[in-house]
Amino acid sequence: VGFSMGGSVVLRHAALHPRQTDAVVSVSAPARWYYRGTAPMRRLHWLVTRPEGRVVSRYGFRTRIHHRDWDPVPLSPVEAVPRIAPTPLLIVHGDADGYFPVDHPRMLAAAAADQGELWLEPGMGHAEHAASDALLGRIGEWVVGRAG
């Protein structure tokens, strides 16, 4: 189970290590790297890619960010999804996510074809802070039912 960037990580992990994965749940994940289509993601990219952004990140958020780009760029979430089958896959996304609009989970679900499930949650924002206890319970039940 992964939320936001962690949702991308679990997709990639399952694609690269299928024998280590019993089920995959990706919540509020982007479909592709370097997305800048929303204001929060533009701010995040500024923090990560610009020298002055990294200074703000280091002293304002107490977070160090390496100055080098990914080399090579890792497998994208949407490229990872088709490799996950036959491992059970659940994609959960809120229709009020301010970071990644609903085209992201739809792209992931399309890449999974009939090998994954998509839950578009009405009114849900981004990631674990927006997930209700009821939704987390449903996700837990799904995992137990698929992974045992």
N, C-alpha and C. Protein backbone atom coordinates (compact mmCIF):
# COMPACT_ATOMS: atom_id res chain seq x y z
N VAL A 1 0.86 -1.17 0.00
CA VAL A 1 0.00 0.00 0.00
C VAL A 1 0.90 1.23 0.00
N GLY A 2 0.63 2.14 -0.93
CA GLY A 2 1.39 3.38 -0.98
C GLY A 2 0.49 4.55 -1.30
N PHE A 3 0.82 5.70 -0.71
CA PHE A 3 0.06 6.93 -0.90
C PHE A 3 0.91 7.97 -1.61
N SER A 4 0.34 8.65 -2.61
CA SER A 4 1.00 9.71 -3.36
C SER A 4 2.26 9.16 -4.05
N MET A 5 3.44 9.72 -3.78
CA MET A 5 4.65 9.19 -4.39
C MET A 5 4.85 7.73 -3.98
N GLY A 6 4.46 7.39 -2.76
CA GLY A 6 4.52 6.00 -2.32
C GLY A 6 3.64 5.09 -3.15
N GLY A 7 2.54 5.64 -3.69
CA GLY A 7 1.68 4.88 -4.59
C GLY A 7 2.41 4.53 -5.88
N SER A 8 3.25 5.45 -6.35
CA SER A 8 4.07 5.17 -7.53
C SER A 8 5.15 4.14 -7.21
N VAL A 9 5.70 4.24 -6.01
CA VAL A 9 6.75 3.32 -5.59
C VAL A 9 6.23 1.89 -5.54
N VAL A 10 5.02 1.68 -4.97
CA VAL A 10 4.51 0.31 -4.89
C VAL A 10 4.20 -0.26 -6.28
N LEU A 11 3.76 0.60 -7.21
CA LEU A 11 3.52 0.13 -8.58
C LEU A 11 4.83 -0.34 -9.21
N ARG A 12 5.86 0.48 -9.07
CA ARG A 12 7.16 0.14 -9.65
C ARG A 12 7.74 -1.11 -8.98
N HIS A 13 7.65 -1.19 -7.66
CA HIS A 13 8.17 -2.35 -6.94
C HIS A 13 7.48 -3.63 -7.41
N ALA A 14 6.15 -3.58 -7.51
CA ALA A 14 5.40 -4.78 -7.94
C ALA A 14 5.78 -5.19 -9.36
N ALA A 15 6.03 -4.21 -10.22
CA ALA A 15 6.41 -4.52 -11.60
C ALA A 15 7.80 -5.15 -11.67
N LEU A 16 8.70 -4.67 -10.84
CA LEU A 16 10.08 -5.15 -10.88
C LEU A 16 10.33 -6.39 -10.03
N HIS A 17 9.46 -6.62 -9.03
CA HIS A 17 9.64 -7.74 -8.10
C HIS A 17 8.32 -8.48 -7.89
N PRO A 18 7.77 -9.07 -8.93
CA PRO A 18 6.44 -9.68 -8.82
C PRO A 18 6.35 -10.82 -7.81
N ARG A 19 7.41 -11.54 -7.60
CA ARG A 19 7.35 -12.67 -6.65
C ARG A 19 7.37 -12.22 -5.20
N GLN A 20 7.68 -10.96 -4.96
CA GLN A 20 7.70 -10.42 -3.60
C GLN A 20 6.40 -9.69 -3.26
N THR A 21 5.43 -9.72 -4.15
CA THR A 21 4.23 -8.90 -4.01
C THR A 21 2.98 -9.75 -4.09
N ASP A 22 2.14 -9.68 -3.06
CA ASP A 22 0.88 -10.44 -3.04
C ASP A 22 -0.31 -9.62 -3.53
N ALA A 23 -0.27 -8.32 -3.34
CA ALA A 23 -1.33 -7.41 -3.80
C ALA A 23 -0.76 -6.00 -3.78
N VAL A 24 -1.35 -5.12 -4.59
CA VAL A 24 -0.86 -3.75 -4.70
C VAL A 24 -2.03 -2.79 -4.54
N VAL A 25 -1.85 -1.79 -3.68
CA VAL A 25 -2.83 -0.71 -3.54
C VAL A 25 -2.08 0.60 -3.71
N SER A 26 -2.49 1.37 -4.70
CA SER A 26 -1.89 2.66 -5.00
C SER A 26 -2.95 3.73 -4.79
N VAL A 27 -2.69 4.65 -3.85
CA VAL A 27 -3.66 5.69 -3.50
C VAL A 27 -3.09 7.05 -3.87
N SER A 28 -3.83 7.81 -4.68
CA SER A 28 -3.47 9.19 -5.04
C SER A 28 -2.13 9.28 -5.78
N ALA A 29 -1.80 8.30 -6.57
CA ALA A 29 -0.50 8.28 -7.25
C ALA A 29 -0.57 8.99 -8.60
N PRO A 30 0.56 9.60 -9.00
CA PRO A 30 0.63 10.13 -10.35
C PRO A 30 0.81 8.99 -11.36
N ALA A 31 0.41 9.24 -12.58
CA ALA A 31 0.59 8.25 -13.64
C ALA A 31 1.95 8.39 -14.31
N ARG A 32 2.52 9.58 -14.22
CA ARG A 32 3.79 9.82 -14.90
C ARG A 32 4.65 10.77 -14.06
N TRP A 33 5.96 10.69 -14.26
CA TRP A 33 6.89 11.56 -13.55
C TRP A 33 6.84 12.97 -14.14
N TYR A 34 7.33 13.91 -13.41
CA TYR A 34 7.51 15.30 -13.84
C TYR A 34 6.20 16.02 -14.15
N TYR A 35 5.09 15.59 -13.57
CA TYR A 35 3.81 16.26 -13.80
C TYR A 35 3.83 17.64 -13.14
N ARG A 36 3.43 18.67 -13.90
CA ARG A 36 3.41 20.04 -13.39
C ARG A 36 2.07 20.72 -13.67
N GLY A 37 1.02 19.96 -13.80
CA GLY A 37 -0.27 20.52 -14.21
C GLY A 37 -1.09 21.19 -13.13
N THR A 38 -0.66 21.12 -11.87
CA THR A 38 -1.39 21.77 -10.78
C THR A 38 -0.41 22.66 -10.00
N ALA A 39 -0.95 23.66 -9.32
CA ALA A 39 -0.11 24.58 -8.56
C ALA A 39 0.75 23.86 -7.51
N PRO A 40 0.19 22.92 -6.73
CA PRO A 40 1.06 22.23 -5.76
C PRO A 40 2.23 21.49 -6.41
N MET A 41 2.00 20.91 -7.57
CA MET A 41 3.09 20.19 -8.23
C MET A 41 4.11 21.15 -8.84
N ARG A 42 3.66 22.31 -9.31
CA ARG A 42 4.61 23.31 -9.81
C ARG A 42 5.50 23.80 -8.66
N ARG A 43 4.90 24.02 -7.47
CA ARG A 43 5.70 24.43 -6.31
C ARG A 43 6.70 23.33 -5.92
N LEU A 44 6.24 22.09 -5.92
CA LEU A 44 7.13 20.98 -5.57
C LEU A 44 8.30 20.90 -6.54
N HIS A 45 8.01 21.01 -7.84
CA HIS A 45 9.09 20.94 -8.83
C HIS A 45 10.06 22.11 -8.66
N TRP A 46 9.55 23.28 -8.30
CA TRP A 46 10.44 24.42 -8.04
C TRP A 46 11.37 24.09 -6.87
N LEU A 47 10.82 23.53 -5.80
CA LEU A 47 11.64 23.17 -4.64
C LEU A 47 12.72 22.16 -4.99
N VAL A 48 12.39 21.23 -5.86
CA VAL A 48 13.30 20.12 -6.17
C VAL A 48 14.32 20.49 -7.25
N THR A 49 13.91 21.28 -8.25
CA THR A 49 14.76 21.47 -9.42
C THR A 49 15.56 22.77 -9.43
N ARG A 50 15.19 23.75 -8.64
CA ARG A 50 15.87 25.05 -8.67
C ARG A 50 16.79 25.19 -7.46
N PRO A 51 17.98 25.77 -7.65
CA PRO A 51 18.88 25.95 -6.51
C PRO A 51 18.23 26.73 -5.36
N GLU A 52 17.51 27.81 -5.69
CA GLU A 52 16.86 28.58 -4.63
C GLU A 52 15.74 27.79 -3.97
N GLY A 53 15.09 26.91 -4.72
CA GLY A 53 14.06 26.04 -4.15
C GLY A 53 14.66 25.05 -3.16
N ARG A 54 15.83 24.53 -3.50
CA ARG A 54 16.49 23.59 -2.58
C ARG A 54 16.95 24.29 -1.29
N VAL A 55 17.32 25.59 -1.40
CA VAL A 55 17.67 26.35 -0.19
C VAL A 55 16.43 26.51 0.69
N VAL A 56 15.31 26.89 0.08
CA VAL A 56 14.06 27.01 0.83
C VAL A 56 13.71 25.67 1.47
N SER A 57 13.85 24.61 0.71
CA SER A 57 13.54 23.28 1.24
C SER A 57 14.44 22.93 2.42
N ARG A 58 15.72 23.23 2.29
CA ARG A 58 16.67 22.86 3.35
C ARG A 58 16.42 23.65 4.63
N TYR A 59 16.27 24.96 4.51
CA TYR A 59 16.15 25.78 5.72
C TYR A 59 14.71 25.99 6.16
N GLY A 60 13.79 26.01 5.23
CA GLY A 60 12.39 26.21 5.58
C GLY A 60 11.68 24.94 6.01
N PHE A 61 12.02 23.83 5.33
CA PHE A 61 11.36 22.54 5.61
C PHE A 61 12.30 21.52 6.24
N ARG A 62 13.58 21.90 6.41
CA ARG A 62 14.59 21.00 6.99
C ARG A 62 14.69 19.69 6.20
N THR A 63 14.66 19.83 4.88
CA THR A 63 14.73 18.69 3.98
C THR A 63 15.81 18.94 2.95
N ARG A 64 16.76 18.03 2.84
CA ARG A 64 17.80 18.17 1.82
C ARG A 64 17.37 17.42 0.56
N ILE A 65 17.58 18.06 -0.57
CA ILE A 65 17.24 17.48 -1.87
C ILE A 65 18.50 17.48 -2.72
N HIS A 66 18.84 16.32 -3.24
CA HIS A 66 20.04 16.21 -4.07
C HIS A 66 19.86 17.02 -5.35
N HIS A 67 20.93 17.61 -5.82
CA HIS A 67 20.86 18.50 -6.98
C HIS A 67 20.86 17.77 -8.33
N ARG A 68 21.23 16.51 -8.36
CA ARG A 68 21.29 15.79 -9.64
C ARG A 68 19.94 15.22 -10.03
N ASP A 69 19.68 15.17 -11.33
CA ASP A 69 18.46 14.54 -11.85
C ASP A 69 18.58 13.03 -11.75
N TRP A 70 17.43 12.36 -11.89
CA TRP A 70 17.44 10.90 -11.96
C TRP A 70 18.23 10.46 -13.19
N ASP A 71 19.09 9.50 -13.04
CA ASP A 71 19.83 8.97 -14.18
C ASP A 71 20.07 7.49 -13.95
N PRO A 72 19.40 6.66 -14.67
CA PRO A 72 18.36 6.97 -15.64
C PRO A 72 17.03 7.24 -14.94
N VAL A 73 16.11 7.83 -15.69
CA VAL A 73 14.76 8.06 -15.16
C VAL A 73 14.11 6.70 -14.92
N PRO A 74 13.58 6.46 -13.71
CA PRO A 74 12.99 5.15 -13.41
C PRO A 74 11.73 4.87 -14.23
N LEU A 75 11.38 3.62 -14.28
CA LEU A 75 10.15 3.17 -14.93
C LEU A 75 8.99 4.01 -14.42
N SER A 76 8.20 4.58 -15.32
CA SER A 76 7.08 5.43 -14.90
C SER A 76 5.95 4.56 -14.36
N PRO A 77 5.09 5.13 -13.51
CA PRO A 77 3.97 4.36 -12.98
C PRO A 77 3.09 3.75 -14.07
N VAL A 78 2.76 4.52 -15.11
CA VAL A 78 1.88 4.00 -16.15
C VAL A 78 2.56 2.90 -16.97
N GLU A 79 3.88 2.92 -17.06
CA GLU A 79 4.60 1.84 -17.73
C GLU A 79 4.73 0.62 -16.83
N ALA A 80 4.72 0.83 -15.53
CA ALA A 80 4.86 -0.28 -14.58
C ALA A 80 3.58 -1.11 -14.49
N VAL A 81 2.44 -0.46 -14.56
CA VAL A 81 1.15 -1.13 -14.30
C VAL A 81 0.93 -2.39 -15.14
N PRO A 82 1.15 -2.39 -16.45
CA PRO A 82 0.89 -3.62 -17.22
C PRO A 82 1.76 -4.80 -16.80
N ARG A 83 2.87 -4.54 -16.16
CA ARG A 83 3.79 -5.60 -15.74
C ARG A 83 3.37 -6.26 -14.42
N ILE A 84 2.38 -5.68 -13.74
CA ILE A 84 2.00 -6.17 -12.42
C ILE A 84 1.15 -7.43 -12.49
N ALA A 85 0.31 -7.56 -13.50
CA ALA A 85 -0.58 -8.73 -13.62
C ALA A 85 0.24 -10.01 -13.59
N PRO A 86 -0.26 -11.04 -12.94
CA PRO A 86 -1.61 -11.24 -12.40
C PRO A 86 -1.78 -10.84 -10.93
N THR A 87 -0.81 -10.12 -10.36
CA THR A 87 -0.94 -9.66 -8.97
C THR A 87 -2.15 -8.73 -8.86
N PRO A 88 -3.00 -8.91 -7.86
CA PRO A 88 -4.17 -8.03 -7.69
C PRO A 88 -3.74 -6.57 -7.52
N LEU A 89 -4.43 -5.67 -8.21
CA LEU A 89 -4.10 -4.25 -8.20
C LEU A 89 -5.34 -3.42 -7.92
N LEU A 90 -5.24 -2.51 -6.96
CA LEU A 90 -6.30 -1.56 -6.65
C LEU A 90 -5.72 -0.15 -6.76
N ILE A 91 -6.39 0.69 -7.55
CA ILE A 91 -6.02 2.09 -7.71
C ILE A 91 -7.13 2.91 -7.07
N VAL A 92 -6.78 3.72 -6.08
CA VAL A 92 -7.74 4.55 -5.35
C VAL A 92 -7.35 6.01 -5.55
N HIS A 93 -8.34 6.84 -5.87
CA HIS A 93 -8.04 8.25 -6.12
C HIS A 93 -9.28 9.08 -5.81
N GLY A 94 -9.06 10.25 -5.25
CA GLY A 94 -10.17 11.16 -4.97
C GLY A 94 -10.45 12.08 -6.14
N ASP A 95 -11.73 12.36 -6.36
CA ASP A 95 -12.07 13.27 -7.46
C ASP A 95 -11.82 14.74 -7.09
N ALA A 96 -11.40 15.00 -5.85
CA ALA A 96 -11.05 16.36 -5.42
C ALA A 96 -9.56 16.47 -5.10
N ASP A 97 -8.75 15.60 -5.68
CA ASP A 97 -7.30 15.62 -5.45
C ASP A 97 -6.71 16.88 -6.08
N GLY A 98 -6.07 17.72 -5.27
CA GLY A 98 -5.49 18.95 -5.76
C GLY A 98 -4.12 18.81 -6.38
N TYR A 99 -3.52 17.64 -6.26
CA TYR A 99 -2.20 17.39 -6.83
C TYR A 99 -2.28 16.72 -8.19
N PHE A 100 -3.07 15.65 -8.28
CA PHE A 100 -3.17 14.87 -9.51
C PHE A 100 -4.63 14.70 -9.88
N PRO A 101 -5.08 15.29 -10.99
CA PRO A 101 -6.48 15.15 -11.39
C PRO A 101 -6.81 13.72 -11.80
N VAL A 102 -8.09 13.47 -12.03
CA VAL A 102 -8.57 12.10 -12.25
C VAL A 102 -8.06 11.47 -13.55
N ASP A 103 -7.44 12.23 -14.43
CA ASP A 103 -6.86 11.57 -15.60
C ASP A 103 -5.70 10.65 -15.20
N HIS A 104 -5.05 10.92 -14.07
CA HIS A 104 -3.95 10.06 -13.62
C HIS A 104 -4.44 8.66 -13.25
N PRO A 105 -5.41 8.51 -12.35
CA PRO A 105 -5.87 7.15 -12.06
C PRO A 105 -6.52 6.48 -13.26
N ARG A 106 -7.15 7.26 -14.10
CA ARG A 106 -7.77 6.67 -15.30
C ARG A 106 -6.70 6.12 -16.25
N MET A 107 -5.57 6.83 -16.38
CA MET A 107 -4.47 6.31 -17.20
C MET A 107 -3.91 5.02 -16.61
N LEU A 108 -3.75 5.00 -15.28
CA LEU A 108 -3.25 3.79 -14.63
C LEU A 108 -4.21 2.63 -14.82
N ALA A 109 -5.50 2.89 -14.65
CA ALA A 109 -6.51 1.83 -14.82
C ALA A 109 -6.54 1.34 -16.27
N ALA A 110 -6.41 2.25 -17.23
CA ALA A 110 -6.39 1.85 -18.63
C ALA A 110 -5.18 0.97 -18.92
N ALA A 111 -4.05 1.30 -18.31
CA ALA A 111 -2.84 0.49 -18.51
C ALA A 111 -3.00 -0.90 -17.89
N ALA A 112 -3.80 -0.99 -16.82
CA ALA A 112 -4.04 -2.29 -16.17
C ALA A 112 -5.05 -3.12 -16.92
N ALA A 113 -5.85 -2.47 -17.77
CA ALA A 113 -6.93 -3.13 -18.51
C ALA A 113 -7.86 -3.83 -17.52
N ASP A 114 -8.14 -5.10 -17.72
CA ASP A 114 -9.06 -5.81 -16.82
C ASP A 114 -8.32 -6.47 -15.65
N GLN A 115 -7.05 -6.12 -15.46
CA GLN A 115 -6.25 -6.73 -14.39
C GLN A 115 -6.21 -5.88 -13.12
N GLY A 116 -6.94 -4.78 -13.09
CA GLY A 116 -6.93 -3.92 -11.91
C GLY A 116 -8.30 -3.35 -11.64
N GLU A 117 -8.46 -2.80 -10.44
CA GLU A 117 -9.70 -2.13 -10.05
C GLU A 117 -9.41 -0.66 -9.80
N LEU A 118 -10.36 0.19 -10.18
CA LEU A 118 -10.25 1.63 -9.94
C LEU A 118 -11.39 2.07 -9.05
N TRP A 119 -11.05 2.70 -7.93
CA TRP A 119 -12.05 3.31 -7.07
C TRP A 119 -11.84 4.82 -7.12
N LEU A 120 -12.75 5.54 -7.78
CA LEU A 120 -12.74 7.00 -7.75
C LEU A 120 -13.65 7.43 -6.61
N GLU A 121 -13.07 8.06 -5.61
CA GLU A 121 -13.78 8.39 -4.38
C GLU A 121 -14.31 9.83 -4.44
N PRO A 122 -15.65 9.99 -4.41
CA PRO A 122 -16.24 11.33 -4.46
C PRO A 122 -15.83 12.18 -3.25
N GLY A 123 -15.39 13.40 -3.54
CA GLY A 123 -15.05 14.36 -2.50
C GLY A 123 -13.71 14.15 -1.83
N MET A 124 -13.01 13.09 -2.16
CA MET A 124 -11.72 12.82 -1.51
C MET A 124 -10.63 13.68 -2.12
N GLY A 125 -9.79 14.25 -1.26
CA GLY A 125 -8.64 15.02 -1.69
C GLY A 125 -7.44 14.12 -1.93
N HIS A 126 -6.27 14.56 -1.46
CA HIS A 126 -5.03 13.87 -1.78
C HIS A 126 -4.50 13.01 -0.64
N ALA A 127 -4.27 11.76 -0.92
CA ALA A 127 -3.49 10.81 -0.12
C ALA A 127 -4.09 10.50 1.25
N GLU A 128 -3.21 10.10 2.17
CA GLU A 128 -3.67 9.58 3.46
C GLU A 128 -4.39 10.61 4.30
N HIS A 129 -4.07 11.88 4.14
CA HIS A 129 -4.74 12.92 4.92
C HIS A 129 -6.19 13.10 4.50
N ALA A 130 -6.52 12.68 3.30
CA ALA A 130 -7.89 12.82 2.80
C ALA A 130 -8.69 11.53 2.89
N ALA A 131 -8.02 10.43 3.19
CA ALA A 131 -8.70 9.13 3.23
C ALA A 131 -9.45 8.98 4.55
N SER A 132 -10.71 8.67 4.45
CA SER A 132 -11.53 8.47 5.66
C SER A 132 -11.22 7.12 6.29
N ASP A 133 -11.60 6.99 7.55
CA ASP A 133 -11.43 5.70 8.23
C ASP A 133 -12.21 4.61 7.50
N ALA A 134 -13.39 4.97 6.99
CA ALA A 134 -14.20 3.98 6.27
C ALA A 134 -13.48 3.51 5.00
N LEU A 135 -12.88 4.45 4.27
CA LEU A 135 -12.14 4.07 3.06
C LEU A 135 -10.95 3.20 3.41
N LEU A 136 -10.21 3.57 4.44
CA LEU A 136 -9.07 2.76 4.85
C LEU A 136 -9.51 1.35 5.24
N GLY A 137 -10.67 1.25 5.88
CA GLY A 137 -11.22 -0.07 6.21
C GLY A 137 -11.56 -0.88 4.98
N ARG A 138 -12.16 -0.22 3.98
CA ARG A 138 -12.48 -0.91 2.72
C ARG A 138 -11.21 -1.38 2.02
N ILE A 139 -10.18 -0.53 2.02
CA ILE A 139 -8.91 -0.92 1.42
C ILE A 139 -8.34 -2.13 2.15
N GLY A 140 -8.36 -2.10 3.46
CA GLY A 140 -7.87 -3.24 4.25
C GLY A 140 -8.62 -4.52 3.93
N GLU A 141 -9.94 -4.42 3.81
CA GLU A 141 -10.74 -5.60 3.46
C GLU A 141 -10.38 -6.11 2.07
N TRP A 142 -10.16 -5.19 1.13
CA TRP A 142 -9.78 -5.58 -0.23
C TRP A 142 -8.45 -6.35 -0.19
N VAL A 143 -7.48 -5.81 0.55
CA VAL A 143 -6.16 -6.46 0.63
C VAL A 143 -6.28 -7.85 1.23
N VAL A 144 -6.99 -7.97 2.33
CA VAL A 144 -7.15 -9.27 2.98
C VAL A 144 -7.84 -10.26 2.05
N GLY A 145 -8.83 -9.78 1.31
CA GLY A 145 -9.55 -10.65 0.38
C GLY A 145 -8.73 -11.09 -0.81
N ARG A 146 -7.72 -10.29 -1.19
CA ARG A 146 -6.92 -10.63 -2.37
C ARG A 146 -5.60 -11.31 -2.01
N ALA A 147 -4.99 -10.84 -0.93
CA ALA A 147 -3.65 -11.34 -0.59
C ALA A 147 -3.68 -12.41 0.48
N GLY A 148 -4.80 -12.51 1.20
CA GLY A 148 -4.92 -13.55 2.21
C GLY A 148 -4.43 -13.18 3.52
